[in-house]
Amino acid sequence: LFGEFSINDVEKYAFVQGVSFRPSDRLTINFLFRRYAGGYISF
């Protein structure tokens, strides 16, 4: 399980969440959700 929440000084945010599931040695299943608010800037 992994994720990140980031906010800038004008209160715009970025949100990333993910799951990586490995039921066997030859199979990995990944899910990723992301949401970037309009106006979020990262240089």
PDB file of all heavy atoms in Angstrom:
ATOM      1  N   LEU A   1       0.862  -1.178   0.000  1.00  0.00           N
ATOM      2  CA  LEU A   1       0.000   0.000   0.000  1.00  0.00           C
ATOM      3  C   LEU A   1       0.899   1.229   0.000  1.00  0.00           C
ATOM      4  O   LEU A   1       1.875   1.290   0.741  1.00  0.00           O
ATOM      5  CB  LEU A   1      -0.882   0.020   1.245  1.00  0.00           C
ATOM      6  CG  LEU A   1      -1.771  -1.190   1.470  1.00  0.00           C
ATOM      7  CD1 LEU A   1      -2.365  -1.155   2.871  1.00  0.00           C
ATOM      8  CD2 LEU A   1      -2.860  -1.237   0.438  1.00  0.00           C
ATOM      9  N   PHE A   2       0.567   2.213  -0.815  1.00  0.00           N
ATOM     10  CA  PHE A   2       1.386   3.427  -0.865  1.00  0.00           C
ATOM     11  C   PHE A   2       0.505   4.615  -1.204  1.00  0.00           C
ATOM     12  O   PHE A   2      -0.561   4.466  -1.813  1.00  0.00           O
ATOM     13  CB  PHE A   2       2.529   3.297  -1.879  1.00  0.00           C
ATOM     14  CG  PHE A   2       2.078   3.011  -3.274  1.00  0.00           C
ATOM     15  CD1 PHE A   2       1.859   4.032  -4.175  1.00  0.00           C
ATOM     16  CD2 PHE A   2       1.874   1.703  -3.699  1.00  0.00           C
ATOM     17  CE1 PHE A   2       1.446   3.774  -5.464  1.00  0.00           C
ATOM     18  CE2 PHE A   2       1.480   1.423  -4.986  1.00  0.00           C
ATOM     19  CZ  PHE A   2       1.256   2.461  -5.875  1.00  0.00           C
ATOM     20  N   GLY A   3       0.953   5.785  -0.795  1.00  0.00           N
ATOM     21  CA  GLY A   3       0.182   6.972  -1.095  1.00  0.00           C
ATOM     22  C   GLY A   3       0.900   8.239  -0.722  1.00  0.00           C
ATOM     23  O   GLY A   3       1.925   8.229  -0.038  1.00  0.00           O
ATOM     24  N   GLU A   4       0.320   9.331  -1.196  1.00  0.00           N
ATOM     25  CA  GLU A   4       0.890  10.650  -0.956  1.00  0.00           C
ATOM     26  C   GLU A   4      -0.217  11.687  -1.018  1.00  0.00           C
ATOM     27  O   GLU A   4      -1.098  11.611  -1.866  1.00  0.00           O
ATOM     28  CB  GLU A   4       1.935  10.944  -2.023  1.00  0.00           C
ATOM     29  CG  GLU A   4       2.584  12.286  -1.917  1.00  0.00           C
ATOM     30  CD  GLU A   4       3.648  12.477  -2.973  1.00  0.00           C
ATOM     31  OE1 GLU A   4       4.630  11.726  -2.976  1.00  0.00           O
ATOM     32  OE2 GLU A   4       3.465  13.396  -3.790  1.00  0.00           O
ATOM     33  N   PHE A   5      -0.166  12.636  -0.109  1.00  0.00           N
ATOM     34  CA  PHE A   5      -1.061  13.783  -0.128  1.00  0.00           C
ATOM     35  C   PHE A   5      -0.202  15.026  -0.059  1.00  0.00           C
ATOM     36  O   PHE A   5       0.640  15.157   0.824  1.00  0.00           O
ATOM     37  CB  PHE A   5      -2.040  13.753   1.053  1.00  0.00           C
ATOM     38  CG  PHE A   5      -2.942  14.948   1.080  1.00  0.00           C
ATOM     39  CD1 PHE A   5      -4.035  15.004   0.237  1.00  0.00           C
ATOM     40  CD2 PHE A   5      -2.684  16.014   1.911  1.00  0.00           C
ATOM     41  CE1 PHE A   5      -4.868  16.111   0.238  1.00  0.00           C
ATOM     42  CE2 PHE A   5      -3.510  17.124   1.927  1.00  0.00           C
ATOM     43  CZ  PHE A   5      -4.604  17.176   1.086  1.00  0.00           C
ATOM     44  N   SER A   6      -0.404  15.935  -0.996  1.00  0.00           N
ATOM     45  CA  SER A   6       0.414  17.142  -1.073  1.00  0.00           C
ATOM     46  C   SER A   6      -0.501  18.351  -1.238  1.00  0.00           C
ATOM     47  O   SER A   6      -1.516  18.285  -1.941  1.00  0.00           O
ATOM     48  CB  SER A   6       1.370  17.035  -2.257  1.00  0.00           C
ATOM     49  OG  SER A   6       2.215  18.148  -2.323  1.00  0.00           O
ATOM     50  N   ILE A   7      -0.123  19.447  -0.602  1.00  0.00           N
ATOM     51  CA  ILE A   7      -0.905  20.680  -0.708  1.00  0.00           C
ATOM     52  C   ILE A   7       0.064  21.848  -0.889  1.00  0.00           C
ATOM     53  O   ILE A   7       1.155  21.845  -0.322  1.00  0.00           O
ATOM     54  CB  ILE A   7      -1.811  20.873   0.529  1.00  0.00           C
ATOM     55  CG1 ILE A   7      -2.779  22.026   0.332  1.00  0.00           C
ATOM     56  CG2 ILE A   7      -0.999  21.037   1.791  1.00  0.00           C
ATOM     57  CD1 ILE A   7      -3.920  22.047   1.338  1.00  0.00           C
ATOM     58  N   ASN A   8      -0.326  22.827  -1.717  1.00  0.00           N
ATOM     59  CA  ASN A   8       0.536  23.991  -1.911  1.00  0.00           C
ATOM     60  C   ASN A   8      -0.002  25.172  -1.115  1.00  0.00           C
ATOM     61  O   ASN A   8      -1.019  25.073  -0.431  1.00  0.00           O
ATOM     62  CB  ASN A   8       0.736  24.316  -3.389  1.00  0.00           C
ATOM     63  CG  ASN A   8      -0.534  24.724  -4.103  1.00  0.00           C
ATOM     64  OD1 ASN A   8      -1.570  24.946  -3.504  1.00  0.00           O
ATOM     65  ND2 ASN A   8      -0.452  24.821  -5.414  1.00  0.00           N
ATOM     66  N   ASP A   9       0.679  26.303  -1.179  1.00  0.00           N
ATOM     67  CA  ASP A   9       0.336  27.433  -0.322  1.00  0.00           C
ATOM     68  C   ASP A   9      -0.937  28.169  -0.746  1.00  0.00           C
ATOM     69  O   ASP A   9      -1.402  29.032  -0.021  1.00  0.00           O
ATOM     70  CB  ASP A   9       1.508  28.402  -0.170  1.00  0.00           C
ATOM     71  CG  ASP A   9       2.115  28.830  -1.481  1.00  0.00           C
ATOM     72  OD1 ASP A   9       1.658  28.365  -2.534  1.00  0.00           O
ATOM     73  OD2 ASP A   9       3.053  29.632  -1.458  1.00  0.00           O
ATOM     74  N   VAL A  10      -1.526  27.832  -1.881  1.00  0.00           N
ATOM     75  CA  VAL A  10      -2.825  28.392  -2.258  1.00  0.00           C
ATOM     76  C   VAL A  10      -3.924  27.346  -2.052  1.00  0.00           C
ATOM     77  O   VAL A  10      -5.000  27.438  -2.612  1.00  0.00           O
ATOM     78  CB  VAL A  10      -2.836  28.953  -3.695  1.00  0.00           C
ATOM     79  CG1 VAL A  10      -1.962  30.180  -3.805  1.00  0.00           C
ATOM     80  CG2 VAL A  10      -2.449  27.906  -4.695  1.00  0.00           C
ATOM     81  N   GLU A  11      -3.604  26.326  -1.241  1.00  0.00           N
ATOM     82  CA  GLU A  11      -4.531  25.284  -0.811  1.00  0.00           C
ATOM     83  C   GLU A  11      -5.101  24.446  -1.963  1.00  0.00           C
ATOM     84  O   GLU A  11      -6.262  24.039  -1.936  1.00  0.00           O
ATOM     85  CB  GLU A  11      -5.640  25.872   0.053  1.00  0.00           C
ATOM     86  CG  GLU A  11      -5.095  26.486   1.325  1.00  0.00           C
ATOM     87  CD  GLU A  11      -6.162  27.027   2.237  1.00  0.00           C
ATOM     88  OE1 GLU A  11      -7.354  26.817   1.962  1.00  0.00           O
ATOM     89  OE2 GLU A  11      -5.795  27.656   3.241  1.00  0.00           O
ATOM     90  N   LYS A  12      -4.282  24.187  -2.951  1.00  0.00           N
ATOM     91  CA  LYS A  12      -4.612  23.221  -4.008  1.00  0.00           C
ATOM     92  C   LYS A  12      -3.846  21.948  -3.683  1.00  0.00           C
ATOM     93  O   LYS A  12      -2.739  21.997  -3.168  1.00  0.00           O
ATOM     94  CB  LYS A  12      -4.219  23.747  -5.387  1.00  0.00           C
ATOM     95  CG  LYS A  12      -4.870  25.067  -5.743  1.00  0.00           C
ATOM     96  CD  LYS A  12      -6.369  24.941  -5.799  1.00  0.00           C
ATOM     97  CE  LYS A  12      -6.987  26.273  -6.205  1.00  0.00           C
ATOM     98  NZ  LYS A  12      -8.419  26.211  -6.304  1.00  0.00           N
ATOM     99  N   TYR A  13      -4.418  20.803  -3.975  1.00  0.00           N
ATOM    100  CA  TYR A  13      -3.843  19.550  -3.497  1.00  0.00           C
ATOM    101  C   TYR A  13      -3.626  18.531  -4.609  1.00  0.00           C
ATOM    102  O   TYR A  13      -4.194  18.623  -5.691  1.00  0.00           O
ATOM    103  CB  TYR A  13      -4.746  18.940  -2.425  1.00  0.00           C
ATOM    104  CG  TYR A  13      -6.077  18.495  -2.982  1.00  0.00           C
ATOM    105  CD1 TYR A  13      -6.249  17.204  -3.459  1.00  0.00           C
ATOM    106  CD2 TYR A  13      -7.144  19.363  -3.058  1.00  0.00           C
ATOM    107  CE1 TYR A  13      -7.452  16.798  -3.995  1.00  0.00           C
ATOM    108  CE2 TYR A  13      -8.346  18.971  -3.591  1.00  0.00           C
ATOM    109  CZ  TYR A  13      -8.503  17.683  -4.057  1.00  0.00           C
ATOM    110  OH  TYR A  13      -9.687  17.294  -4.598  1.00  0.00           O
ATOM    111  N   ALA A  14      -2.808  17.550  -4.281  1.00  0.00           N
ATOM    112  CA  ALA A  14      -2.603  16.369  -5.118  1.00  0.00           C
ATOM    113  C   ALA A  14      -2.721  15.157  -4.200  1.00  0.00           C
ATOM    114  O   ALA A  14      -2.230  15.172  -3.070  1.00  0.00           O
ATOM    115  CB  ALA A  14      -1.230  16.397  -5.778  1.00  0.00           C
ATOM    116  N   PHE A  15      -3.370  14.122  -4.695  1.00  0.00           N
ATOM    117  CA  PHE A  15      -3.672  12.954  -3.890  1.00  0.00           C
ATOM    118  C   PHE A  15      -3.416  11.719  -4.749  1.00  0.00           C
ATOM    119  O   PHE A  15      -3.986  11.594  -5.840  1.00  0.00           O
ATOM    120  CB  PHE A  15      -5.145  13.035  -3.474  1.00  0.00           C
ATOM    121  CG  PHE A  15      -5.618  11.932  -2.600  1.00  0.00           C
ATOM    122  CD1 PHE A  15      -5.218  11.853  -1.283  1.00  0.00           C
ATOM    123  CD2 PHE A  15      -6.488  10.977  -3.081  1.00  0.00           C
ATOM    124  CE1 PHE A  15      -5.680  10.845  -0.459  1.00  0.00           C
ATOM    125  CE2 PHE A  15      -6.955   9.969  -2.271  1.00  0.00           C
ATOM    126  CZ  PHE A  15      -6.555   9.904  -0.959  1.00  0.00           C
ATOM    127  N   VAL A  16      -2.523  10.836  -4.294  1.00  0.00           N
ATOM    128  CA  VAL A  16      -2.194   9.609  -5.017  1.00  0.00           C
ATOM    129  C   VAL A  16      -2.268   8.450  -4.031  1.00  0.00           C
ATOM    130  O   VAL A  16      -1.678   8.518  -2.946  1.00  0.00           O
ATOM    131  CB  VAL A  16      -0.783   9.670  -5.643  1.00  0.00           C
ATOM    132  CG1 VAL A  16      -0.443   8.375  -6.338  1.00  0.00           C
ATOM    133  CG2 VAL A  16      -0.655  10.839  -6.596  1.00  0.00           C
ATOM    134  N   GLN A  17      -2.984   7.399  -4.398  1.00  0.00           N
ATOM    135  CA  GLN A  17      -3.082   6.196  -3.580  1.00  0.00           C
ATOM    136  C   GLN A  17      -2.912   4.989  -4.481  1.00  0.00           C
ATOM    137  O   GLN A  17      -3.426   4.981  -5.612  1.00  0.00           O
ATOM    138  CB  GLN A  17      -4.446   6.102  -2.889  1.00  0.00           C
ATOM    139  CG  GLN A  17      -4.702   7.197  -1.897  1.00  0.00           C
ATOM    140  CD  GLN A  17      -3.744   7.156  -0.742  1.00  0.00           C
ATOM    141  OE1 GLN A  17      -3.642   6.173  -0.037  1.00  0.00           O
ATOM    142  NE2 GLN A  17      -3.018   8.237  -0.552  1.00  0.00           N
ATOM    143  N   GLY A  18      -2.224   3.984  -3.993  1.00  0.00           N
ATOM    144  CA  GLY A  18      -2.008   2.798  -4.815  1.00  0.00           C
ATOM    145  C   GLY A  18      -1.925   1.535  -4.000  1.00  0.00           C
ATOM    146  O   GLY A  18      -1.623   1.550  -2.806  1.00  0.00           O
ATOM    147  N   VAL A  19      -2.205   0.440  -4.688  1.00  0.00           N
ATOM    148  CA  VAL A  19      -2.115  -0.897  -4.119  1.00  0.00           C
ATOM    149  C   VAL A  19      -1.432  -1.770  -5.150  1.00  0.00           C
ATOM    150  O   VAL A  19      -1.776  -1.737  -6.336  1.00  0.00           O
ATOM    151  CB  VAL A  19      -3.512  -1.477  -3.799  1.00  0.00           C
ATOM    152  CG1 VAL A  19      -3.398  -2.907  -3.315  1.00  0.00           C
ATOM    153  CG2 VAL A  19      -4.231  -0.629  -2.802  1.00  0.00           C
ATOM    154  N   SER A  20      -0.458  -2.524  -4.712  1.00  0.00           N
ATOM    155  CA  SER A  20       0.204  -3.506  -5.561  1.00  0.00           C
ATOM    156  C   SER A  20       0.078  -4.862  -4.875  1.00  0.00           C
ATOM    157  O   SER A  20       0.576  -5.048  -3.767  1.00  0.00           O
ATOM    158  CB  SER A  20       1.676  -3.133  -5.762  1.00  0.00           C
ATOM    159  OG  SER A  20       2.291  -4.033  -6.645  1.00  0.00           O
ATOM    160  N   PHE A  21      -0.606  -5.770  -5.538  1.00  0.00           N
ATOM    161  CA  PHE A  21      -0.900  -7.083  -4.977  1.00  0.00           C
ATOM    162  C   PHE A  21      -0.192  -8.150  -5.801  1.00  0.00           C
ATOM    163  O   PHE A  21      -0.285  -8.154  -7.023  1.00  0.00           O
ATOM    164  CB  PHE A  21      -2.417  -7.316  -4.987  1.00  0.00           C
ATOM    165  CG  PHE A  21      -2.836  -8.672  -4.528  1.00  0.00           C
ATOM    166  CD1 PHE A  21      -2.469  -9.152  -3.280  1.00  0.00           C
ATOM    167  CD2 PHE A  21      -3.609  -9.469  -5.336  1.00  0.00           C
ATOM    168  CE1 PHE A  21      -2.866 -10.407  -2.854  1.00  0.00           C
ATOM    169  CE2 PHE A  21      -4.014 -10.727  -4.925  1.00  0.00           C
ATOM    170  CZ  PHE A  21      -3.637 -11.193  -3.691  1.00  0.00           C
ATOM    171  N   ARG A  22       0.532  -9.031  -5.132  1.00  0.00           N
ATOM    172  CA  ARG A  22       1.288 -10.077  -5.820  1.00  0.00           C
ATOM    173  C   ARG A  22       0.809 -11.446  -5.328  1.00  0.00           C
ATOM    174  O   ARG A  22       1.388 -12.027  -4.410  1.00  0.00           O
ATOM    175  CB  ARG A  22       2.774  -9.894  -5.548  1.00  0.00           C
ATOM    176  CG  ARG A  22       3.627 -10.751  -6.408  1.00  0.00           C
ATOM    177  CD  ARG A  22       5.059 -10.324  -6.291  1.00  0.00           C
ATOM    178  NE  ARG A  22       5.828 -11.134  -7.217  1.00  0.00           N
ATOM    179  CZ  ARG A  22       7.060 -10.916  -7.519  1.00  0.00           C
ATOM    180  NH1 ARG A  22       7.684  -9.908  -6.976  1.00  0.00           N
ATOM    181  NH2 ARG A  22       7.688 -11.694  -8.354  1.00  0.00           N
ATOM    182  N   PRO A  23      -0.239 -11.996  -5.969  1.00  0.00           N
ATOM    183  CA  PRO A  23      -0.774 -13.275  -5.514  1.00  0.00           C
ATOM    184  C   PRO A  23       0.145 -14.460  -5.818  1.00  0.00           C
ATOM    185  O   PRO A  23       0.074 -15.481  -5.149  1.00  0.00           O
ATOM    186  CB  PRO A  23      -2.102 -13.404  -6.252  1.00  0.00           C
ATOM    187  CG  PRO A  23      -1.985 -12.526  -7.433  1.00  0.00           C
ATOM    188  CD  PRO A  23      -1.026 -11.437  -7.053  1.00  0.00           C
ATOM    189  N   SER A  24       1.003 -14.318  -6.833  1.00  0.00           N
ATOM    190  CA  SER A  24       1.974 -15.374  -7.137  1.00  0.00           C
ATOM    191  C   SER A  24       3.261 -14.706  -7.621  1.00  0.00           C
ATOM    192  O   SER A  24       3.302 -13.506  -7.859  1.00  0.00           O
ATOM    193  CB  SER A  24       1.430 -16.335  -8.192  1.00  0.00           C
ATOM    194  OG  SER A  24       1.404 -15.716  -9.460  1.00  0.00           O
ATOM    195  N   ASP A  25       4.299 -15.509  -7.799  1.00  0.00           N
ATOM    196  CA  ASP A  25       5.587 -14.947  -8.217  1.00  0.00           C
ATOM    197  C   ASP A  25       5.561 -14.397  -9.643  1.00  0.00           C
ATOM    198  O   ASP A  25       6.396 -13.594 -10.008  1.00  0.00           O
ATOM    199  CB  ASP A  25       6.689 -15.997  -8.087  1.00  0.00           C
ATOM    200  CG  ASP A  25       6.994 -16.310  -6.632  1.00  0.00           C
ATOM    201  OD1 ASP A  25       6.701 -15.448  -5.777  1.00  0.00           O
ATOM    202  OD2 ASP A  25       7.515 -17.404  -6.350  1.00  0.00           O
ATOM    203  N   ARG A  26       4.616 -14.836 -10.455  1.00  0.00           N
ATOM    204  CA  ARG A  26       4.570 -14.400 -11.853  1.00  0.00           C
ATOM    205  C   ARG A  26       3.413 -13.460 -12.163  1.00  0.00           C
ATOM    206  O   ARG A  26       3.191 -13.124 -13.313  1.00  0.00           O
ATOM    207  CB  ARG A  26       4.490 -15.616 -12.777  1.00  0.00           C
ATOM    208  CG  ARG A  26       5.714 -16.487 -12.631  1.00  0.00           C
ATOM    209  CD  ARG A  26       5.817 -17.623 -13.587  1.00  0.00           C
ATOM    210  NE  ARG A  26       4.579 -18.147 -14.100  1.00  0.00           N
ATOM    211  CZ  ARG A  26       4.498 -19.028 -15.064  1.00  0.00           C
ATOM    212  NH1 ARG A  26       5.583 -19.500 -15.610  1.00  0.00           N
ATOM    213  NH2 ARG A  26       3.330 -19.463 -15.485  1.00  0.00           N
ATOM    214  N   LEU A  27       2.696 -13.034 -11.158  1.00  0.00           N
ATOM    215  CA  LEU A  27       1.550 -12.152 -11.378  1.00  0.00           C
ATOM    216  C   LEU A  27       1.544 -11.032 -10.338  1.00  0.00           C
ATOM    217  O   LEU A  27       1.626 -11.284  -9.138  1.00  0.00           O
ATOM    218  CB  LEU A  27       0.237 -12.940 -11.274  1.00  0.00           C
ATOM    219  CG  LEU A  27      -1.055 -12.123 -11.407  1.00  0.00           C
ATOM    220  CD1 LEU A  27      -1.167 -11.512 -12.803  1.00  0.00           C
ATOM    221  CD2 LEU A  27      -2.254 -12.987 -11.101  1.00  0.00           C
ATOM    222  N   THR A  28       1.447  -9.797 -10.829  1.00  0.00           N
ATOM    223  CA  THR A  28       1.307  -8.636  -9.966  1.00  0.00           C
ATOM    224  C   THR A  28       0.127  -7.818 -10.473  1.00  0.00           C
ATOM    225  O   THR A  28       0.021  -7.543 -11.666  1.00  0.00           O
ATOM    226  CB  THR A  28       2.573  -7.754  -9.988  1.00  0.00           C
ATOM    227  OG1 THR A  28       3.691  -8.550  -9.572  1.00  0.00           O
ATOM    228  CG2 THR A  28       2.429  -6.569  -9.061  1.00  0.00           C
ATOM    229  N   ILE A  29      -0.757  -7.434  -9.567  1.00  0.00           N
ATOM    230  CA  ILE A  29      -1.929  -6.631  -9.904  1.00  0.00           C
ATOM    231  C   ILE A  29      -1.768  -5.283  -9.229  1.00  0.00           C
ATOM    232  O   ILE A  29      -1.528  -5.208  -8.018  1.00  0.00           O
ATOM    233  CB  ILE A  29      -3.220  -7.323  -9.427  1.00  0.00           C
ATOM    234  CG1 ILE A  29      -3.350  -8.693 -10.092  1.00  0.00           C
ATOM    235  CG2 ILE A  29      -4.429  -6.447  -9.742  1.00  0.00           C
ATOM    236  CD1 ILE A  29      -4.434  -9.560  -9.511  1.00  0.00           C
ATOM    237  N   ASN A  30      -1.884  -4.209 -10.019  1.00  0.00           N
ATOM    238  CA  ASN A  30      -1.685  -2.856  -9.502  1.00  0.00           C
ATOM    239  C   ASN A  30      -2.939  -2.015  -9.693  1.00  0.00           C
ATOM    240  O   ASN A  30      -3.593  -2.109 -10.733  1.00  0.00           O
ATOM    241  CB  ASN A  30      -0.532  -2.165 -10.246  1.00  0.00           C
ATOM    242  CG  ASN A  30       0.766  -2.870 -10.042  1.00  0.00           C
ATOM    243  OD1 ASN A  30       1.220  -3.042  -8.928  1.00  0.00           O
ATOM    244  ND2 ASN A  30       1.380  -3.311 -11.123  1.00  0.00           N
ATOM    245  N   PHE A  31      -3.238  -1.209  -8.696  1.00  0.00           N
ATOM    246  CA  PHE A  31      -4.311  -0.227  -8.776  1.00  0.00           C
ATOM    247  C   PHE A  31      -3.730   1.114  -8.368  1.00  0.00           C
ATOM    248  O   PHE A  31      -2.975   1.205  -7.402  1.00  0.00           O
ATOM    249  CB  PHE A  31      -5.459  -0.570  -7.820  1.00  0.00           C
ATOM    250  CG  PHE A  31      -6.165  -1.841  -8.150  1.00  0.00           C
ATOM    251  CD1 PHE A  31      -5.848  -3.004  -7.477  1.00  0.00           C
ATOM    252  CD2 PHE A  31      -7.148  -1.877  -9.129  1.00  0.00           C
ATOM    253  CE1 PHE A  31      -6.490  -4.192  -7.767  1.00  0.00           C
ATOM    254  CE2 PHE A  31      -7.797  -3.059  -9.436  1.00  0.00           C
ATOM    255  CZ  PHE A  31      -7.471  -4.218  -8.751  1.00  0.00           C
ATOM    256  N   LEU A  32      -4.110   2.168  -9.102  1.00  0.00           N
ATOM    257  CA  LEU A  32      -3.619   3.506  -8.793  1.00  0.00           C
ATOM    258  C   LEU A  32      -4.760   4.497  -8.945  1.00  0.00           C
ATOM    259  O   LEU A  32      -5.494   4.465  -9.932  1.00  0.00           O
ATOM    260  CB  LEU A  32      -2.468   3.896  -9.726  1.00  0.00           C
ATOM    261  CG  LEU A  32      -1.829   5.250  -9.472  1.00  0.00           C
ATOM    262  CD1 LEU A  32      -1.070   5.222  -8.162  1.00  0.00           C
ATOM    263  CD2 LEU A  32      -0.919   5.631 -10.602  1.00  0.00           C
ATOM    264  N   PHE A  33      -4.900   5.354  -7.952  1.00  0.00           N
ATOM    265  CA  PHE A  33      -5.884   6.433  -7.993  1.00  0.00           C
ATOM    266  C   PHE A  33      -5.133   7.733  -7.780  1.00  0.00           C
ATOM    267  O   PHE A  33      -4.302   7.831  -6.882  1.00  0.00           O
ATOM    268  CB  PHE A  33      -6.940   6.261  -6.893  1.00  0.00           C
ATOM    269  CG  PHE A  33      -7.861   7.429  -6.784  1.00  0.00           C
ATOM    270  CD1 PHE A  33      -8.919   7.569  -7.668  1.00  0.00           C
ATOM    271  CD2 PHE A  33      -7.667   8.408  -5.830  1.00  0.00           C
ATOM    272  CE1 PHE A  33      -9.770   8.654  -7.588  1.00  0.00           C
ATOM    273  CE2 PHE A  33      -8.515   9.500  -5.735  1.00  0.00           C
ATOM    274  CZ  PHE A  33      -9.574   9.620  -6.622  1.00  0.00           C
ATOM    275  N   ARG A  34      -5.432   8.727  -8.597  1.00  0.00           N
ATOM    276  CA  ARG A  34      -4.797  10.027  -8.416  1.00  0.00           C
ATOM    277  C   ARG A  34      -5.807  11.123  -8.656  1.00  0.00           C
ATOM    278  O   ARG A  34      -6.741  10.974  -9.438  1.00  0.00           O
ATOM    279  CB  ARG A  34      -3.603  10.203  -9.337  1.00  0.00           C
ATOM    280  CG  ARG A  34      -3.979  10.339 -10.786  1.00  0.00           C
ATOM    281  CD  ARG A  34      -2.763  10.700 -11.630  1.00  0.00           C
ATOM    282  NE  ARG A  34      -3.116  10.915 -13.006  1.00  0.00           N
ATOM    283  CZ  ARG A  34      -3.565  12.049 -13.509  1.00  0.00           C
ATOM    284  NH1 ARG A  34      -3.728  13.090 -12.735  1.00  0.00           N
ATOM    285  NH2 ARG A  34      -3.875  12.167 -14.775  1.00  0.00           N
ATOM    286  N   ARG A  35      -5.599  12.217  -7.960  1.00  0.00           N
ATOM    287  CA  ARG A  35      -6.465  13.383  -8.113  1.00  0.00           C
ATOM    288  C   ARG A  35      -5.605  14.619  -7.921  1.00  0.00           C
ATOM    289  O   ARG A  35      -4.988  14.803  -6.873  1.00  0.00           O
ATOM    290  CB  ARG A  35      -7.578  13.357  -7.074  1.00  0.00           C
ATOM    291  CG  ARG A  35      -8.392  14.614  -6.974  1.00  0.00           C
ATOM    292  CD  ARG A  35      -9.373  14.734  -8.123  1.00  0.00           C
ATOM    293  NE  ARG A  35     -10.277  15.860  -7.877  1.00  0.00           N
ATOM    294  CZ  ARG A  35     -10.278  16.955  -8.605  1.00  0.00           C
ATOM    295  NH1 ARG A  35      -9.459  17.080  -9.627  1.00  0.00           N
ATOM    296  NH2 ARG A  35     -11.110  17.922  -8.339  1.00  0.00           N
ATOM    297  N   TYR A  36      -5.533  15.435  -8.958  1.00  0.00           N
ATOM    298  CA  TYR A  36      -4.806  16.697  -8.895  1.00  0.00           C
ATOM    299  C   TYR A  36      -5.819  17.830  -9.046  1.00  0.00           C
ATOM    300  O   TYR A  36      -6.522  17.897 -10.049  1.00  0.00           O
ATOM    301  CB  TYR A  36      -3.771  16.805 -10.020  1.00  0.00           C
ATOM    302  CG  TYR A  36      -2.628  15.841  -9.879  1.00  0.00           C
ATOM    303  CD1 TYR A  36      -2.658  14.591 -10.495  1.00  0.00           C
ATOM    304  CD2 TYR A  36      -1.521  16.159  -9.121  1.00  0.00           C
ATOM    305  CE1 TYR A  36      -1.617  13.697 -10.371  1.00  0.00           C
ATOM    306  CE2 TYR A  36      -0.463  15.278  -8.981  1.00  0.00           C
ATOM    307  CZ  TYR A  36      -0.533  14.060  -9.617  1.00  0.00           C
ATOM    308  OH  TYR A  36       0.510  13.173  -9.479  1.00  0.00           O
ATOM    309  N   ALA A  37      -5.903  18.688  -8.066  1.00  0.00           N
ATOM    310  CA  ALA A  37      -6.809  19.817  -8.137  1.00  0.00           C
ATOM    311  C   ALA A  37      -6.300  20.827  -9.158  1.00  0.00           C
ATOM    312  O   ALA A  37      -5.082  20.976  -9.337  1.00  0.00           O
ATOM    313  CB  ALA A  37      -6.942  20.483  -6.767  1.00  0.00           C
ATOM    314  N   GLY A  38      -7.220  21.501  -9.819  1.00  0.00           N
ATOM    315  CA  GLY A  38      -6.816  22.567 -10.743  1.00  0.00           C
ATOM    316  C   GLY A  38      -6.072  23.650  -9.993  1.00  0.00           C
ATOM    317  O   GLY A  38      -6.508  24.088  -8.939  1.00  0.00           O
ATOM    318  N   GLY A  39      -4.925  24.038 -10.483  1.00  0.00           N
ATOM    319  CA  GLY A  39      -4.112  25.044  -9.812  1.00  0.00           C
ATOM    320  C   GLY A  39      -3.003  24.474  -8.956  1.00  0.00           C
ATOM    321  O   GLY A  39      -2.198  25.224  -8.423  1.00  0.00           O
ATOM    322  N   TYR A  40      -2.952  23.135  -8.810  1.00  0.00           N
ATOM    323  CA  TYR A  40      -1.848  22.533  -8.079  1.00  0.00           C
ATOM    324  C   TYR A  40      -0.605  22.549  -8.963  1.00  0.00           C
ATOM    325  O   TYR A  40      -0.634  22.089 -10.093  1.00  0.00           O
ATOM    326  CB  TYR A  40      -2.177  21.091  -7.686  1.00  0.00           C
ATOM    327  CG  TYR A  40      -1.006  20.389  -7.011  1.00  0.00           C
ATOM    328  CD1 TYR A  40      -0.753  20.598  -5.670  1.00  0.00           C
ATOM    329  CD2 TYR A  40      -0.165  19.568  -7.732  1.00  0.00           C
ATOM    330  CE1 TYR A  40       0.317  19.986  -5.049  1.00  0.00           C
ATOM    331  CE2 TYR A  40       0.907  18.954  -7.127  1.00  0.00           C
ATOM    332  CZ  TYR A  40       1.143  19.164  -5.790  1.00  0.00           C
ATOM    333  OH  TYR A  40       2.207  18.561  -5.189  1.00  0.00           O
ATOM    334  N   ILE A  41       0.477  23.139  -8.464  1.00  0.00           N
ATOM    335  CA  ILE A  41       1.724  23.264  -9.208  1.00  0.00           C
ATOM    336  C   ILE A  41       2.855  22.722  -8.360  1.00  0.00           C
ATOM    337  O   ILE A  41       2.959  23.029  -7.178  1.00  0.00           O
ATOM    338  CB  ILE A  41       2.035  24.743  -9.549  1.00  0.00           C
ATOM    339  CG1 ILE A  41       0.907  25.371 -10.348  1.00  0.00           C
ATOM    340  CG2 ILE A  41       3.361  24.879 -10.267  1.00  0.00           C
ATOM    341  CD1 ILE A  41       0.783  24.886 -11.752  1.00  0.00           C
ATOM    342  N   SER A  42       3.714  21.913  -8.962  1.00  0.00           N
ATOM    343  CA  SER A  42       4.921  21.429  -8.297  1.00  0.00           C
ATOM    344  C   SER A  42       6.090  21.562  -9.267  1.00  0.00           C
ATOM    345  O   SER A  42       6.112  20.911 -10.304  1.00  0.00           O
ATOM    346  CB  SER A  42       4.745  19.961  -7.896  1.00  0.00           C
ATOM    347  OG  SER A  42       5.947  19.454  -7.376  1.00  0.00           O
ATOM    348  N   PHE A  43       7.038  22.415  -8.937  1.00  0.00           N
ATOM    349  CA  PHE A  43       8.216  22.592  -9.789  1.00  0.00           C
ATOM    350  C   PHE A  43       9.346  21.667  -9.383  1.00  0.00           C
ATOM    351  O   PHE A  43      10.044  21.130 -10.215  1.00  0.00           O
ATOM    352  CB  PHE A  43       8.717  24.040  -9.715  1.00  0.00           C
ATOM    353  CG  PHE A  43       7.774  25.025 -10.310  1.00  0.00           C
ATOM    354  CD1 PHE A  43       7.098  25.921  -9.506  1.00  0.00           C
ATOM    355  CD2 PHE A  43       7.546  25.050 -11.667  1.00  0.00           C
ATOM    356  CE1 PHE A  43       6.226  26.829 -10.042  1.00  0.00           C
ATOM    357  CE2 PHE A  43       6.665  25.958 -12.228  1.00  0.00           C
ATOM    358  CZ  PHE A  43       6.002  26.848 -11.401  1.00  0.00           C
TER     359      PHE A  43
END
